[in-house]
Protein backbone atom coordinates (compact mmCIF):
# COMPACT_ATOMS: atom_id res chain seq x y z
CA MET A 1 53.18 171.28 17.58
CA ARG A 2 51.26 171.28 20.71
CA TYR A 3 50.03 168.08 22.34
CA THR A 4 46.63 168.00 23.76
CA LYS A 5 45.44 165.83 26.54
CA TYR A 6 43.67 163.64 24.04
CA ASP A 7 46.87 163.02 22.03
CA ILE A 8 48.88 162.00 25.09
CA ARG A 9 46.28 159.53 26.18
CA ASN A 10 46.32 157.83 22.75
CA THR A 11 50.08 157.36 22.77
CA SER A 12 50.06 155.81 26.25
CA ASN A 13 47.45 153.23 25.20
CA GLU A 14 49.64 151.79 22.42
CA ARG A 15 50.75 148.23 23.17
CA ALA A 16 54.39 146.97 22.89
CA PHE A 17 56.65 144.35 24.42
CA SER A 18 58.70 145.38 27.38
CA ILE A 19 62.38 144.55 27.66
CA ALA A 20 61.63 141.96 30.36
CA GLU A 21 59.16 140.16 28.10
CA LEU A 22 61.62 140.13 25.20
CA LEU A 23 64.40 138.74 27.41
CA LEU A 24 62.08 136.04 28.72
CA VAL A 25 61.08 134.99 25.19
CA LEU A 26 64.74 135.01 24.12
CA ALA A 27 65.71 132.81 27.10
CA ILE A 28 62.93 130.29 26.39
CA THR A 29 63.87 130.18 22.69
CA GLY A 30 67.51 129.60 23.62
CA LEU A 31 66.60 126.71 25.92
CA LEU A 32 64.49 125.10 23.20
CA LEU A 33 67.32 125.41 20.67
CA VAL A 34 69.79 123.86 23.13
CA ALA A 35 67.40 120.95 23.76
CA VAL A 36 67.01 120.36 20.02
CA ALA A 37 70.80 120.50 19.53
CA VAL A 38 71.40 117.98 22.33
CA ALA A 39 68.78 115.60 20.89
CA PHE A 40 70.27 115.95 17.40
CA ASN A 41 73.79 115.27 18.70
CA ALA A 42 72.61 112.17 20.60
CA SER A 43 70.89 110.95 17.44
CA ILE A 44 74.09 111.31 15.40
CA ILE A 45 76.16 109.47 18.04
CA ASN A 46 73.58 106.66 18.24
CA TYR A 47 73.51 106.34 14.45
CA GLY A 48 77.30 106.02 14.33
CA GLU A 49 77.37 103.34 17.02
CA ASN A 50 74.58 101.37 15.34
CA GLU A 51 76.40 101.56 12.01
CA ASP A 52 79.61 100.21 13.59
CA ILE A 53 77.71 97.35 15.22
CA PHE A 54 75.97 96.52 11.94
CA LYS A 55 79.23 96.46 9.99
CA THR A 56 80.92 94.27 12.60
CA ILE A 57 78.08 91.76 12.85
CA ASN A 58 77.62 91.70 9.08
CA SER A 59 81.32 90.94 8.63
CA ALA A 60 81.07 88.08 11.16
CA ARG A 61 77.98 86.66 9.45
CA GLN A 62 79.66 86.77 6.05
CA ALA A 63 82.73 84.97 7.41
CA LEU A 64 80.52 82.41 9.15
CA SER A 65 78.52 81.86 5.98
CA ARG A 66 81.69 81.23 3.98
CA ILE A 67 83.06 78.82 6.58
CA THR A 68 79.81 76.85 6.86
CA SER A 69 79.31 76.53 3.11
CA GLN A 70 82.87 75.26 2.63
CA LEU A 71 82.61 72.86 5.56
CA ARG A 72 79.31 71.40 4.32
CA THR A 73 80.86 70.43 1.01
CA ALA A 74 84.35 69.60 2.33
CA SER A 75 86.04 66.34 1.47
CA ALA A 76 87.62 66.13 4.91
CA ALA A 77 88.38 68.18 8.01
CA ASP A 78 91.29 67.70 10.38
CA PRO A 79 90.04 66.35 13.73
CA ASN A 80 93.33 67.16 15.48
CA CYS A 81 93.49 70.94 15.05
CA PRO A 82 93.06 73.16 18.09
CA ASP A 83 89.74 74.82 18.92
CA ASN A 84 90.80 78.17 17.44
CA GLU A 85 91.27 76.75 13.94
CA CYS A 86 89.73 74.43 11.39
CA THR A 87 91.71 72.82 8.58
CA LEU A 88 89.84 71.21 5.71
CA ILE A 89 90.04 70.00 2.15
CA THR A 90 87.39 71.79 0.11
CA ALA A 91 85.24 70.21 -2.58
CA ASP A 92 87.60 71.81 -5.13
CA GLY A 93 90.62 70.10 -3.51
CA ASP A 94 92.04 73.23 -1.84
CA ASP A 95 93.78 72.75 1.51
CA ILE A 96 92.72 75.69 3.69
CA THR A 97 92.70 76.66 7.35
CA TYR A 98 90.45 79.09 9.18
CA ARG A 99 92.41 80.43 12.15
CA TYR A 100 91.45 82.85 14.89
CA ASN A 101 94.40 84.83 16.25
CA ASN A 102 93.58 86.32 19.65
CA GLY A 103 96.76 88.43 19.54
CA ASP A 104 95.37 90.76 16.88
CA ASN A 105 91.65 89.81 17.17
CA LYS A 106 91.33 88.66 13.57
CA LEU A 107 89.98 85.64 11.75
CA TYR A 108 92.23 84.48 8.92
CA LEU A 109 91.72 82.26 5.89
CA ILE A 110 95.03 80.54 5.14
CA ASP A 111 95.71 78.76 1.86
CA ASN A 112 98.02 75.95 3.01
CA LEU A 113 99.33 75.25 -0.52
CA SER A 114 100.41 78.80 -1.39
CA GLY A 115 100.96 80.01 2.17
CA SER A 116 98.93 83.18 1.59
CA ASN A 117 96.49 84.36 4.21
CA TYR A 118 93.53 86.72 4.13
CA VAL A 119 91.70 88.55 6.91
CA LEU A 120 88.07 87.44 6.93
CA CYS A 121 86.90 89.35 9.99
CA ASP A 122 88.25 92.06 12.32
CA ASN A 123 87.31 92.81 15.94
CA VAL A 124 86.90 89.13 16.81
CA THR A 125 87.21 88.70 20.58
CA ALA A 126 86.56 84.94 20.70
CA MET A 127 86.10 82.09 18.25
CA THR A 128 85.84 78.34 18.62
CA PHE A 129 85.50 75.40 16.27
CA LYS A 130 84.13 72.46 18.28
CA LYS A 131 84.57 69.33 16.19
CA ASN A 132 82.41 66.26 16.74
CA THR A 133 84.32 63.20 15.61
CA ALA A 134 83.48 59.62 14.82
CA THR A 135 85.62 56.56 14.26
CA GLU A 136 85.20 53.99 11.53
CA ASP A 137 87.71 51.28 10.67
CA ALA A 138 90.22 52.85 13.09
CA ILE A 139 89.99 56.15 11.19
CA VAL A 140 88.89 59.25 13.10
CA TYR A 141 87.00 61.79 11.04
CA VAL A 142 85.08 65.00 11.70
CA LYS A 143 81.35 64.48 11.47
CA SER A 144 80.17 67.98 12.36
CA VAL A 145 81.52 71.31 13.55
CA GLN A 146 79.95 73.87 15.88
CA ILE A 147 81.27 77.36 15.26
CA SER A 148 80.93 80.33 17.57
CA ILE A 149 82.32 83.78 16.79
CA THR A 150 82.16 86.79 19.10
CA VAL A 151 82.76 90.23 17.61
CA SER A 152 82.95 93.59 19.31
CA SER A 153 82.42 97.20 18.38
CA GLY A 154 83.27 99.70 21.07
CA ASN A 155 81.84 98.30 24.29
CA VAL A 156 79.22 96.10 22.55
CA GLN A 157 79.86 92.39 21.95
CA ARG A 158 77.72 90.03 19.87
CA THR A 159 78.07 86.28 19.39
CA VAL A 160 77.04 84.53 16.17
CA SER A 161 76.95 80.73 16.03
CA ALA A 162 76.36 77.99 13.49
CA ALA A 163 76.53 74.22 13.28
CA VAL A 164 77.67 72.33 10.19
CA VAL A 165 77.44 68.69 9.20
CA ILE A 166 80.07 67.62 6.70
CA ARG A 167 77.87 65.96 4.10
CA ARG A 168 80.56 63.72 2.67
CA ASN A 169 80.94 62.14 6.10
CA LEU A 170 77.26 61.33 6.56
CA LYS A 171 76.85 57.60 6.96
């Protein structure tokens, strides 16, 4: 078949992408995909860290809630225990101790009658029980307790605090 001048001119006017244009589009698409992947990865890491912080703080709040409810209704609390523990007689007559051990960063609930102990909270970096005492008829008793617990997750630390008045000692 013989090409005429008219046929050659029609084929040269057809439009198509050049190799340079295709490579440029491919490079831009690659950069966009990398940016999306980096953002997605950062989102996953942030979600994991937030979940760890939530679990740690929630555990501390649950432990603090248990301690405060038992102290409010306690029959008595020991005014002579150190600042890292609180010994009390519950409304049910149980003799228990809440003790923070800074060696393993845990808060324990100890049943003084059976000797068994339970871990209430992990990742505790500091905890104090500040007891406010009063004296009546030469008897020293705990009137209120201020509790502060600091928990950590990774490099994040949060402190949760509460104050409790022992209702049986209100006078």
